[in-house]
């Protein structure tokens, strides 16, 4: 089962990543890292990607159907992942009394030119003083799944949005 804490440690790596523009693999998938963005693979199934100054930060994680429950529609899998991310377990340090909220819009279907399908959800996280834009995407090909979770710094503006969208649209099956 997907747990949001799986995202936290790898996301912290993005600040120390080496800059390089190229194609990276995550599990059975490949993604084009935008020029000037930094990236680092924690292992073969996870990749941290972000802009140099963390305007956009993403964690991409690959799963197989043996690792997640797949007896649901892709829409339902997306909703469940969003629910897991927004769930307050109360055990996170500093979570007591926090007025921070996280919410996602309804899933929208996504498909690639190469025939992959998935769902994408935009979201927001914040409190009365600060709001962060979120993006959650789940891509499927056979028994392989890719989850991409990202956030945009509140003071970043839309400067890197086109590169972020191009990166997500570049997701495809990796060639052996």
C-alpha atoms as a PDB file:
ATOM      1  CA  UNK A   1       0.000   0.000   0.000  1.00  0.00           C
ATOM      2  CA  UNK A   2       1.238   3.464  -0.858  1.00  0.00           C
ATOM      3  CA  UNK A   3       2.101   5.627   2.157  1.00  0.00           C
ATOM      4  CA  UNK A   4       2.912   9.362   1.958  1.00  0.00           C
ATOM      5  CA  UNK A   5       5.955   8.963   4.208  1.00  0.00           C
ATOM      6  CA  UNK A   6       7.598   7.065   1.315  1.00  0.00           C
ATOM      7  CA  UNK A   7       7.846  10.445  -0.439  1.00  0.00           C
ATOM      8  CA  UNK A   8       9.414  12.526   2.312  1.00  0.00           C
ATOM      9  CA  UNK A   9      13.015  11.306   2.504  1.00  0.00           C
ATOM     10  CA  UNK A  10      13.678  11.201  -1.254  1.00  0.00           C
ATOM     11  CA  UNK A  11      12.165  14.657  -1.772  1.00  0.00           C
ATOM     12  CA  UNK A  12      14.736  16.056   0.654  1.00  0.00           C
ATOM     13  CA  UNK A  13      17.490  14.848  -1.682  1.00  0.00           C
ATOM     14  CA  UNK A  14      16.514  17.250  -4.458  1.00  0.00           C
ATOM     15  CA  UNK A  15      18.383  20.162  -2.856  1.00  0.00           C
ATOM     16  CA  UNK A  16      21.695  18.329  -3.278  1.00  0.00           C
ATOM     17  CA  UNK A  17      21.231  16.811  -6.708  1.00  0.00           C
ATOM     18  CA  UNK A  18      23.602  17.152  -9.636  1.00  0.00           C
ATOM     19  CA  UNK A  19      22.375  19.143 -12.645  1.00  0.00           C
ATOM     20  CA  UNK A  20      22.089  17.239 -15.921  1.00  0.00           C
ATOM     21  CA  UNK A  21      19.557  17.160 -18.735  1.00  0.00           C
ATOM     22  CA  UNK A  22      18.852  13.639 -19.909  1.00  0.00           C
ATOM     23  CA  UNK A  23      16.439  10.718 -19.889  1.00  0.00           C
ATOM     24  CA  UNK A  24      16.144   8.924 -16.556  1.00  0.00           C
ATOM     25  CA  UNK A  25      14.504   5.578 -15.829  1.00  0.00           C
ATOM     26  CA  UNK A  26      12.187   4.750 -12.949  1.00  0.00           C
ATOM     27  CA  UNK A  27      11.193   1.109 -12.833  1.00  0.00           C
ATOM     28  CA  UNK A  28       9.743   0.219 -16.256  1.00  0.00           C
ATOM     29  CA  UNK A  29       9.324   3.893 -17.207  1.00  0.00           C
ATOM     30  CA  UNK A  30      11.512   6.610 -18.727  1.00  0.00           C
ATOM     31  CA  UNK A  31      11.151  10.367 -18.251  1.00  0.00           C
ATOM     32  CA  UNK A  32      12.946  13.330 -19.809  1.00  0.00           C
ATOM     33  CA  UNK A  33      14.438  15.507 -17.074  1.00  0.00           C
ATOM     34  CA  UNK A  34      14.153  19.160 -18.192  1.00  0.00           C
ATOM     35  CA  UNK A  35      17.366  20.992 -19.016  1.00  0.00           C
ATOM     36  CA  UNK A  36      18.693  22.763 -15.940  1.00  0.00           C
ATOM     37  CA  UNK A  37      16.681  20.601 -13.534  1.00  0.00           C
ATOM     38  CA  UNK A  38      18.437  18.375 -11.016  1.00  0.00           C
ATOM     39  CA  UNK A  39      17.720  14.728 -10.328  1.00  0.00           C
ATOM     40  CA  UNK A  40      18.860  11.753  -8.296  1.00  0.00           C
ATOM     41  CA  UNK A  41      17.714   8.152  -8.132  1.00  0.00           C
ATOM     42  CA  UNK A  42      17.408   6.749  -4.636  1.00  0.00           C
ATOM     43  CA  UNK A  43      17.101   3.290  -6.194  1.00  0.00           C
ATOM     44  CA  UNK A  44      15.846   1.781  -9.470  1.00  0.00           C
ATOM     45  CA  UNK A  45      12.228   2.505  -8.520  1.00  0.00           C
ATOM     46  CA  UNK A  46      12.410   6.103  -7.254  1.00  0.00           C
ATOM     47  CA  UNK A  47      13.665   9.370  -8.674  1.00  0.00           C
ATOM     48  CA  UNK A  48      13.758  12.864  -7.182  1.00  0.00           C
ATOM     49  CA  UNK A  49      13.561  15.686  -9.743  1.00  0.00           C
ATOM     50  CA  UNK A  50      13.459  19.430  -9.241  1.00  0.00           C
ATOM     51  CA  UNK A  51      14.519  22.856 -10.327  1.00  0.00           C
ATOM     52  CA  UNK A  52      17.780  24.195  -8.928  1.00  0.00           C
ATOM     53  CA  UNK A  53      16.008  26.490  -6.468  1.00  0.00           C
ATOM     54  CA  UNK A  54      13.149  24.049  -5.719  1.00  0.00           C
ATOM     55  CA  UNK A  55      10.485  26.002  -7.590  1.00  0.00           C
ATOM     56  CA  UNK A  56       9.117  22.591  -8.626  1.00  0.00           C
ATOM     57  CA  UNK A  57      10.064  19.381  -6.792  1.00  0.00           C
ATOM     58  CA  UNK A  58       8.860  15.911  -7.828  1.00  0.00           C
ATOM     59  CA  UNK A  59       9.214  12.383  -6.529  1.00  0.00           C
ATOM     60  CA  UNK A  60       8.576   9.626  -9.064  1.00  0.00           C
ATOM     61  CA  UNK A  61       8.057   6.101  -7.735  1.00  0.00           C
ATOM     62  CA  UNK A  62       7.480   2.882  -9.698  1.00  0.00           C
ATOM     63  CA  UNK A  63       5.319   0.014  -8.448  1.00  0.00           C
ATOM     64  CA  UNK A  64       4.039  -3.267  -9.825  1.00  0.00           C
ATOM     65  CA  UNK A  65       0.540  -4.619  -9.351  1.00  0.00           C
ATOM     66  CA  UNK A  66       2.019  -7.054  -6.816  1.00  0.00           C
ATOM     67  CA  UNK A  67       2.903  -4.054  -4.608  1.00  0.00           C
ATOM     68  CA  UNK A  68      -0.395  -2.171  -4.777  1.00  0.00           C
ATOM     69  CA  UNK A  69      -4.070  -3.050  -4.819  1.00  0.00           C
ATOM     70  CA  UNK A  70      -5.257  -2.876  -8.427  1.00  0.00           C
ATOM     71  CA  UNK A  71      -8.758  -4.319  -8.370  1.00  0.00           C
ATOM     72  CA  UNK A  72     -10.068  -0.773  -8.860  1.00  0.00           C
ATOM     73  CA  UNK A  73     -10.391   1.655 -11.708  1.00  0.00           C
ATOM     74  CA  UNK A  74      -7.478   3.994 -12.332  1.00  0.00           C
ATOM     75  CA  UNK A  75      -9.720   6.843 -11.161  1.00  0.00           C
ATOM     76  CA  UNK A  76     -10.260   5.020  -7.840  1.00  0.00           C
ATOM     77  CA  UNK A  77      -6.520   4.348  -7.461  1.00  0.00           C
ATOM     78  CA  UNK A  78      -5.895   8.079  -7.975  1.00  0.00           C
ATOM     79  CA  UNK A  79      -8.512   9.023  -5.394  1.00  0.00           C
ATOM     80  CA  UNK A  80      -7.043   6.543  -2.904  1.00  0.00           C
ATOM     81  CA  UNK A  81      -3.517   7.910  -3.392  1.00  0.00           C
ATOM     82  CA  UNK A  82      -4.820  11.461  -2.876  1.00  0.00           C
ATOM     83  CA  UNK A  83      -6.679  10.336   0.256  1.00  0.00           C
ATOM     84  CA  UNK A  84      -3.498   8.736   1.644  1.00  0.00           C
ATOM     85  CA  UNK A  85      -1.559  11.944   1.022  1.00  0.00           C
ATOM     86  CA  UNK A  86      -4.185  14.106   2.715  1.00  0.00           C
ATOM     87  CA  UNK A  87      -4.717  11.793   5.692  1.00  0.00           C
ATOM     88  CA  UNK A  88      -3.465  13.198   9.009  1.00  0.00           C
ATOM     89  CA  UNK A  89      -2.081  10.273  10.999  1.00  0.00           C
ATOM     90  CA  UNK A  90      -1.288  12.578  13.910  1.00  0.00           C
ATOM     91  CA  UNK A  91       2.097  10.908  14.296  1.00  0.00           C
ATOM     92  CA  UNK A  92       4.081  13.307  12.131  1.00  0.00           C
ATOM     93  CA  UNK A  93       6.299  15.636  14.104  1.00  0.00           C
ATOM     94  CA  UNK A  94       4.604  19.000  14.471  1.00  0.00           C
ATOM     95  CA  UNK A  95       1.277  17.732  13.123  1.00  0.00           C
ATOM     96  CA  UNK A  96      -0.670  18.392  16.315  1.00  0.00           C
ATOM     97  CA  UNK A  97      -2.557  21.638  16.059  1.00  0.00           C
ATOM     98  CA  UNK A  98      -1.417  22.329  12.501  1.00  0.00           C
ATOM     99  CA  UNK A  99      -3.934  24.238  10.420  1.00  0.00           C
ATOM    100  CA  UNK A 100      -2.350  23.022   7.198  1.00  0.00           C
ATOM    101  CA  UNK A 101      -4.780  21.487   4.743  1.00  0.00           C
ATOM    102  CA  UNK A 102      -4.161  19.442   1.610  1.00  0.00           C
ATOM    103  CA  UNK A 103      -6.753  18.749  -1.055  1.00  0.00           C
ATOM    104  CA  UNK A 104      -6.855  17.450  -4.613  1.00  0.00           C
ATOM    105  CA  UNK A 105      -9.270  18.102  -7.468  1.00  0.00           C
ATOM    106  CA  UNK A 106     -11.067  15.192  -9.134  1.00  0.00           C
ATOM    107  CA  UNK A 107      -8.833  12.941 -11.266  1.00  0.00           C
ATOM    108  CA  UNK A 108      -8.578  13.775 -14.970  1.00  0.00           C
ATOM    109  CA  UNK A 109      -7.736  11.127 -17.534  1.00  0.00           C
ATOM    110  CA  UNK A 110      -4.280  11.354 -19.104  1.00  0.00           C
ATOM    111  CA  UNK A 111      -2.857   9.486 -22.072  1.00  0.00           C
ATOM    112  CA  UNK A 112       0.442   9.624 -23.896  1.00  0.00           C
ATOM    113  CA  UNK A 113       1.204   9.498 -27.600  1.00  0.00           C
ATOM    114  CA  UNK A 114       2.800   6.101 -26.883  1.00  0.00           C
ATOM    115  CA  UNK A 115      -0.423   4.616 -25.530  1.00  0.00           C
ATOM    116  CA  UNK A 116       0.140   4.919 -21.788  1.00  0.00           C
ATOM    117  CA  UNK A 117      -2.834   5.930 -19.710  1.00  0.00           C
ATOM    118  CA  UNK A 118      -3.247   7.445 -16.312  1.00  0.00           C
ATOM    119  CA  UNK A 119      -4.849  10.086 -14.152  1.00  0.00           C
ATOM    120  CA  UNK A 120      -3.606  13.480 -13.043  1.00  0.00           C
ATOM    121  CA  UNK A 121      -4.863  15.599 -10.148  1.00  0.00           C
ATOM    122  CA  UNK A 122      -4.035  19.168  -9.249  1.00  0.00           C
ATOM    123  CA  UNK A 123      -4.109  20.131  -5.611  1.00  0.00           C
ATOM    124  CA  UNK A 124      -3.265  22.648  -2.964  1.00  0.00           C
ATOM    125  CA  UNK A 125      -1.614  22.515   0.425  1.00  0.00           C
ATOM    126  CA  UNK A 126      -1.348  25.354   2.868  1.00  0.00           C
ATOM    127  CA  UNK A 127      -2.735  27.477   5.619  1.00  0.00           C
ATOM    128  CA  UNK A 128      -3.990  31.055   5.955  1.00  0.00           C
ATOM    129  CA  UNK A 129      -0.572  32.530   5.081  1.00  0.00           C
ATOM    130  CA  UNK A 130       0.904  30.095   2.572  1.00  0.00           C
ATOM    131  CA  UNK A 131      -0.392  28.026  -0.344  1.00  0.00           C
ATOM    132  CA  UNK A 132       1.561  25.436  -2.326  1.00  0.00           C
ATOM    133  CA  UNK A 133       0.430  24.020  -5.684  1.00  0.00           C
ATOM    134  CA  UNK A 134       0.469  20.199  -5.876  1.00  0.00           C
ATOM    135  CA  UNK A 135       0.422  17.743  -8.771  1.00  0.00           C
ATOM    136  CA  UNK A 136      -0.292  14.004  -8.454  1.00  0.00           C
ATOM    137  CA  UNK A 137      -0.078  11.704 -11.465  1.00  0.00           C
ATOM    138  CA  UNK A 138      -0.455   7.944 -11.768  1.00  0.00           C
ATOM    139  CA  UNK A 139       0.520   6.208 -15.017  1.00  0.00           C
ATOM    140  CA  UNK A 140      -0.132   2.554 -15.829  1.00  0.00           C
ATOM    141  CA  UNK A 141       1.208   0.118 -18.389  1.00  0.00           C
ATOM    142  CA  UNK A 142       0.167  -3.486 -17.867  1.00  0.00           C
ATOM    143  CA  UNK A 143       1.285  -4.461 -14.371  1.00  0.00           C
ATOM    144  CA  UNK A 144       3.578  -1.410 -13.998  1.00  0.00           C
ATOM    145  CA  UNK A 145       2.556   1.813 -12.266  1.00  0.00           C
ATOM    146  CA  UNK A 146       4.327   5.143 -11.877  1.00  0.00           C
ATOM    147  CA  UNK A 147       3.322   7.650  -9.224  1.00  0.00           C
ATOM    148  CA  UNK A 148       4.577  11.226  -9.617  1.00  0.00           C
ATOM    149  CA  UNK A 149       3.976  13.643  -6.739  1.00  0.00           C
ATOM    150  CA  UNK A 150       5.176  17.216  -6.971  1.00  0.00           C
ATOM    151  CA  UNK A 151       4.807  20.646  -5.483  1.00  0.00           C
ATOM    152  CA  UNK A 152       5.561  24.192  -6.581  1.00  0.00           C
ATOM    153  CA  UNK A 153       7.096  26.685  -4.185  1.00  0.00           C
ATOM    154  CA  UNK A 154       4.571  29.409  -3.291  1.00  0.00           C
ATOM    155  CA  UNK A 155       6.799  32.232  -4.529  1.00  0.00           C
ATOM    156  CA  UNK A 156       7.946  30.465  -7.711  1.00  0.00           C
ATOM    157  CA  UNK A 157       5.255  31.629 -10.111  1.00  0.00           C
ATOM    158  CA  UNK A 158       4.551  29.815 -13.388  1.00  0.00           C
ATOM    159  CA  UNK A 159       8.120  30.163 -14.752  1.00  0.00           C
ATOM    160  CA  UNK A 160       8.831  26.396 -14.797  1.00  0.00           C
ATOM    161  CA  UNK A 161       5.285  25.109 -15.372  1.00  0.00           C
ATOM    162  CA  UNK A 162       5.814  24.384 -19.097  1.00  0.00           C
ATOM    163  CA  UNK A 163       8.988  22.374 -18.369  1.00  0.00           C
ATOM    164  CA  UNK A 164       7.168  20.490 -15.607  1.00  0.00           C
ATOM    165  CA  UNK A 165       4.300  19.615 -17.952  1.00  0.00           C
ATOM    166  CA  UNK A 166       6.725  18.564 -20.711  1.00  0.00           C
ATOM    167  CA  UNK A 167       8.482  16.279 -18.209  1.00  0.00           C
ATOM    168  CA  UNK A 168       5.205  14.609 -17.223  1.00  0.00           C
ATOM    169  CA  UNK A 169       4.122  14.305 -20.853  1.00  0.00           C
ATOM    170  CA  UNK A 170       7.469  12.644 -21.696  1.00  0.00           C
ATOM    171  CA  UNK A 171       6.739   9.641 -19.456  1.00  0.00           C
ATOM    172  CA  UNK A 172       6.935   6.460 -21.513  1.00  0.00           C
ATOM    173  CA  UNK A 173       8.032   2.848 -21.221  1.00  0.00           C
ATOM    174  CA  UNK A 174      11.785   2.493 -20.920  1.00  0.00           C
ATOM    175  CA  UNK A 175      13.434   0.639 -23.761  1.00  0.00           C
ATOM    176  CA  UNK A 176      15.454  -2.396 -22.676  1.00  0.00           C
END
